Protein backbone atom coordinates (compact mmCIF):
# COMPACT_ATOMS: atom_id res chain seq x y z
CA MET A 1 -0.04 0.05 -0.23
CA ASP A 2 1.37 3.47 -0.96
CA ASN A 3 2.38 5.70 1.88
CA HIS A 4 0.46 9.17 1.39
CA LEU A 5 3.75 10.83 2.42
CA ASP A 6 5.38 9.56 -0.71
CA HIS A 7 3.21 11.93 -2.70
CA MET A 8 3.73 15.07 -0.56
CA PRO A 9 5.63 17.88 -2.49
CA VAL A 10 9.16 18.65 -1.41
CA LEU A 11 9.74 22.24 -0.19
CA SER A 12 12.18 24.18 -2.41
CA ARG A 13 12.59 27.77 -3.57
CA GLY A 14 10.15 29.84 -5.73
CA ARG A 15 6.83 29.09 -7.29
CA HIS A 16 6.00 25.90 -8.74
CA ARG A 17 3.35 24.87 -11.40
CA ASN A 18 2.07 21.79 -9.52
CA PRO A 19 3.01 19.47 -6.66
CA LYS A 20 5.00 17.13 -8.72
CA ARG A 21 7.62 19.98 -9.39
CA GLY A 22 7.85 20.64 -5.62
CA ALA A 23 6.42 23.39 -3.38
CA CYS A 24 7.22 26.52 -1.56
CA PHE A 25 5.96 26.92 2.03
CA MET A 26 2.62 28.50 1.10
CA GLU A 27 1.90 26.19 -1.85
CA LEU A 28 2.21 23.23 0.56
CA ALA A 29 -0.21 25.08 2.97
CA SER A 30 -2.80 25.38 0.05
CA TYR A 31 -2.23 21.74 -0.78
CA LEU A 32 -2.85 20.76 2.97
CA ALA A 33 -5.74 23.16 3.30
CA GLY A 34 -7.55 21.65 0.36
CA GLU A 35 -7.44 24.92 -1.67
CA ARG A 36 -6.56 25.35 -5.27
CA TRP A 37 -2.86 25.14 -5.76
CA SER A 38 -1.35 28.67 -4.99
CA ASP A 39 1.39 30.45 -3.06
CA HIS A 40 -1.31 32.95 -2.09
CA PRO A 41 -4.09 30.81 -0.23
CA ALA A 42 -7.01 32.27 1.22
CA CYS A 43 -6.31 30.30 4.60
CA THR A 44 -3.58 32.60 5.71
CA HIS A 45 -3.15 36.21 6.39
CA PRO A 46 -1.39 37.86 3.34
CA LEU A 47 1.47 39.39 5.26
CA LEU A 48 2.10 36.18 7.31
CA ALA A 49 2.04 34.23 3.96
CA ALA A 50 4.45 36.85 2.59
CA LEU A 51 6.84 36.23 5.51
CA ALA A 52 6.56 32.49 4.95
CA ARG A 53 7.48 32.76 1.39
CA LEU A 54 10.42 34.97 2.10
CA VAL A 55 11.72 32.72 4.82
CA ASN A 56 11.24 29.63 2.45
CA ASP A 57 13.21 31.41 -0.30
CA ASN A 58 16.05 32.69 1.87
CA THR A 59 16.70 29.50 3.87
CA GLY A 60 19.31 26.99 2.89
CA ASP A 61 18.16 23.65 1.51
CA GLU A 62 18.97 21.67 4.61
CA SER A 63 17.34 24.10 6.96
CA ARG A 64 14.34 24.48 4.66
CA ALA A 65 13.38 20.85 5.27
CA GLN A 66 13.03 21.69 8.92
CA LEU A 67 10.18 24.25 7.98
CA VAL A 68 7.79 21.44 6.92
CA ASN A 69 6.43 20.78 10.25
CA LEU A 70 5.36 24.59 10.58
CA VAL A 71 3.18 24.50 7.60
CA PRO A 72 -0.06 23.15 9.22
CA SER A 73 0.20 25.80 11.85
CA ILE A 74 -0.08 28.53 9.27
CA ILE A 75 -3.52 27.22 7.95
CA ASP A 76 -6.58 29.02 9.35
CA LEU A 77 -4.87 32.22 10.11
CA ALA A 78 -6.82 34.67 8.00
CA SER A 79 -7.99 38.04 9.01
CA ASP A 80 -8.62 41.54 7.84
CA ASP A 81 -7.81 43.22 11.14
CA LEU A 82 -4.95 45.90 10.50
CA ARG A 83 -3.68 45.09 14.01
CA VAL A 84 -2.40 41.77 12.59
CA ASP A 85 -0.42 43.56 10.01
CA ALA A 86 0.95 46.12 12.53
CA HIS A 87 1.96 43.28 14.89
CA LEU A 88 3.62 41.29 12.15
CA ALA A 89 5.46 44.26 10.80
CA LEU A 90 6.70 45.00 14.49
CA ARG A 91 7.61 41.50 15.21
CA CYS A 92 9.86 41.42 12.03
CA ALA A 93 11.37 44.82 12.49
CA THR A 94 12.33 44.36 16.07
CA THR A 95 13.73 41.06 15.37
CA ALA A 96 15.93 42.10 12.57
CA LEU A 97 16.96 45.56 13.99
CA PRO A 98 19.48 44.42 16.55
CA VAL A 99 21.40 42.31 14.23
CA ALA A 100 21.14 44.08 10.79
CA ALA A 101 24.02 45.88 9.19
CA ALA A 102 24.31 49.63 9.79
CA GLU A 103 23.00 50.64 6.50
CA ARG A 104 19.65 48.86 7.09
CA GLN A 105 19.09 50.03 10.78
CA LEU A 106 17.42 53.40 9.83
CA ALA A 107 14.82 51.79 7.68
CA LEU A 108 14.09 49.01 10.17
CA ALA A 109 13.89 51.57 13.08
CA VAL A 110 11.45 53.60 11.01
CA SER A 111 9.44 50.54 10.48
CA VAL A 112 9.37 49.90 14.33
CA LEU A 113 8.02 53.41 14.98
CA ALA A 114 5.43 53.28 12.12
CA ALA A 115 4.02 49.99 13.43
CA GLU A 116 3.92 51.27 17.03
CA GLU A 117 2.18 54.37 15.73
CA MET A 118 -0.35 52.38 13.80
CA LEU A 119 -1.24 50.19 16.86
CA ALA A 120 -1.54 53.19 19.13
CA ARG A 121 -3.89 54.67 16.57
CA LEU A 122 -5.94 51.59 16.24
CA ASP A 123 -6.02 51.19 20.12
CA GLY A 124 -6.94 54.93 20.64
CA ALA A 125 -3.71 55.22 22.72
CA PRO A 126 -1.44 58.19 22.92
CA SER A 127 1.10 58.68 20.01
CA GLY A 128 4.77 57.81 20.79
CA ARG A 129 4.25 54.81 23.12
CA LEU A 130 6.65 51.85 22.55
CA SER A 131 6.23 48.33 23.72
CA GLU A 132 9.15 46.73 25.79
CA ARG A 133 10.38 44.63 22.76
CA SER A 134 10.64 47.96 20.64
CA ARG A 135 12.38 49.84 23.35
CA HIS A 136 14.95 47.06 23.61
CA ALA A 137 15.53 46.91 19.84
CA MET A 138 15.93 50.62 19.63
CA GLU A 139 18.28 50.94 22.45
CA GLN A 140 20.80 48.68 20.55
CA VAL A 141 20.95 51.02 17.68
CA PRO A 142 20.75 54.59 19.38
CA HIS A 143 21.92 56.51 16.43
CA ALA A 144 19.58 54.94 13.93
CA ALA A 145 16.75 55.23 16.48
CA GLU A 146 17.30 59.02 16.85
CA GLN A 147 17.37 59.44 13.15
CA ALA A 148 14.17 57.46 12.85
CA ARG A 149 12.38 59.58 15.45
CA ARG A 150 13.25 62.76 13.57
CA PHE A 151 12.21 61.23 10.40
CA SER A 152 8.92 59.81 11.69
CA ARG A 153 7.81 63.14 13.27
CA ALA A 154 7.65 64.53 9.79
CA ALA A 155 5.96 61.63 8.11
CA LYS A 156 2.29 60.48 8.35
CA ILE A 157 1.03 57.27 6.96
CA THR A 158 -2.64 56.36 6.43
CA GLU A 159 -4.11 52.92 7.27
CA LYS A 160 -4.21 52.05 3.72
CA GLY A 161 -0.71 52.98 2.99
CA PHE A 162 0.57 51.08 6.07
CA ARG A 163 -1.09 47.82 4.91
CA ARG A 164 -0.13 48.23 1.30
CA TYR A 165 3.39 49.51 1.64
CA ALA A 166 4.91 50.17 5.06
CA ALA A 167 4.07 46.64 6.57
CA PRO A 168 5.12 44.62 3.54
CA ASN A 169 8.21 46.60 3.41
CA ALA A 170 9.01 45.93 7.09
CA VAL A 171 8.79 42.12 6.46
CA GLN A 172 11.07 42.33 3.34
CA LEU A 173 13.60 44.58 5.07
CA ALA A 174 13.64 42.31 8.11
CA VAL A 175 14.37 39.19 6.14
CA VAL A 176 17.01 40.67 4.12
CA GLY A 177 18.60 42.20 7.12
CA ILE A 178 18.68 38.74 8.91
CA VAL A 179 20.03 36.94 5.62
CA GLN A 180 22.90 39.42 5.25
CA ALA A 181 23.64 39.91 9.14
CA CYS A 182 27.00 38.72 10.49
CA ILE A 183 25.41 36.23 12.82
CA PRO A 184 26.28 32.41 13.19
CA ASP A 185 23.09 31.06 11.90
CA PRO A 186 20.65 33.34 10.04
CA ASP A 187 18.48 30.34 9.11
CA LYS A 188 17.77 29.55 12.67
CA LEU A 189 16.76 33.16 13.38
CA LEU A 190 14.58 33.13 10.19
CA ARG A 191 12.80 30.06 11.37
CA GLU A 192 12.38 31.49 15.02
CA LEU A 193 10.96 34.67 13.43
CA LEU A 194 8.45 32.63 11.43
CA GLU A 195 7.54 30.61 14.43
CA SER A 196 6.99 33.72 16.51
CA ALA A 197 4.99 35.42 13.85
CA ILE A 198 2.61 32.45 13.67
CA GLU A 199 2.14 32.33 17.53
CA ASP A 200 1.35 36.10 17.32
CA CYS A 201 -1.23 35.57 14.63
CA LYS A 202 -2.92 32.67 16.72
CA ALA A 203 -3.18 35.03 19.72
CA LEU A 204 -4.58 37.92 17.72
CA ILE A 205 -6.94 35.97 15.44
CA HIS A 206 -8.07 33.05 17.73
CA GLY A 207 -7.27 34.37 21.18
CA THR A 208 -4.78 31.49 21.57
CA PRO A 209 -2.18 32.38 24.37
CA ALA A 210 1.12 32.89 22.69
CA GLU A 211 3.62 30.12 23.36
CA THR A 212 7.25 30.62 24.39
CA PRO A 213 8.58 31.01 20.72
CA ALA A 214 6.43 34.09 20.32
CA GLU A 215 9.39 35.94 22.07
CA THR A 216 12.14 35.52 19.61
CA PRO A 217 15.33 35.01 21.57
CA ALA A 218 17.63 37.95 21.60
CA VAL A 219 20.64 37.62 19.21
CA PRO A 220 24.01 39.30 20.06
CA ALA A 221 24.57 42.29 17.81
CA PRO A 222 27.30 41.65 15.19
CA ALA A 223 30.57 43.41 15.53
CA ARG A 224 30.56 46.66 13.73
CA ILE A 225 33.61 47.63 11.70
């Protein structure tokens, strides 16, 4: 009797025409969810799906195989709540900021402040508040943090602009920043970021208490030359 696992697509980079040619993380999610074959399935929040595709494509082949067991956990995490976008952008930016190269720190620090500002607006809270995770990340890059504050005071972003541009940009910047960082194991940090983002979404969308991975372990900042 055939084992159904023999017919499971193998995770690899990029898009695939059908399961026989392999699958990226989100194509496998669409397969398991019983949806039409796609790397943009309806079962997952678009920004979380974008993060999953980026992690899949920027992880080495050996490490990518370890992502398979995360695929089921990303199914049924769809929402149109802008708080989800803001929390995901914040998770990504605060994870990458302490380890990113100097030339990427300003953009990531701006992303942190933009996400915090959007959350404050959505919650009806005073402008300028920072979560503990954001404060910790910004304290590790004081020069970029100060520049970002000056820039952010002069820039205003709409909710539509945040969802369409600022949040996806934060996710893209974070993944590239981690991939190019001078750290021992960027693949490990990418996986931990995706795990944390999934736990964040579970808590926000389903009210599930976040598990330990939702606090991405701090990574020592690389040496600056």
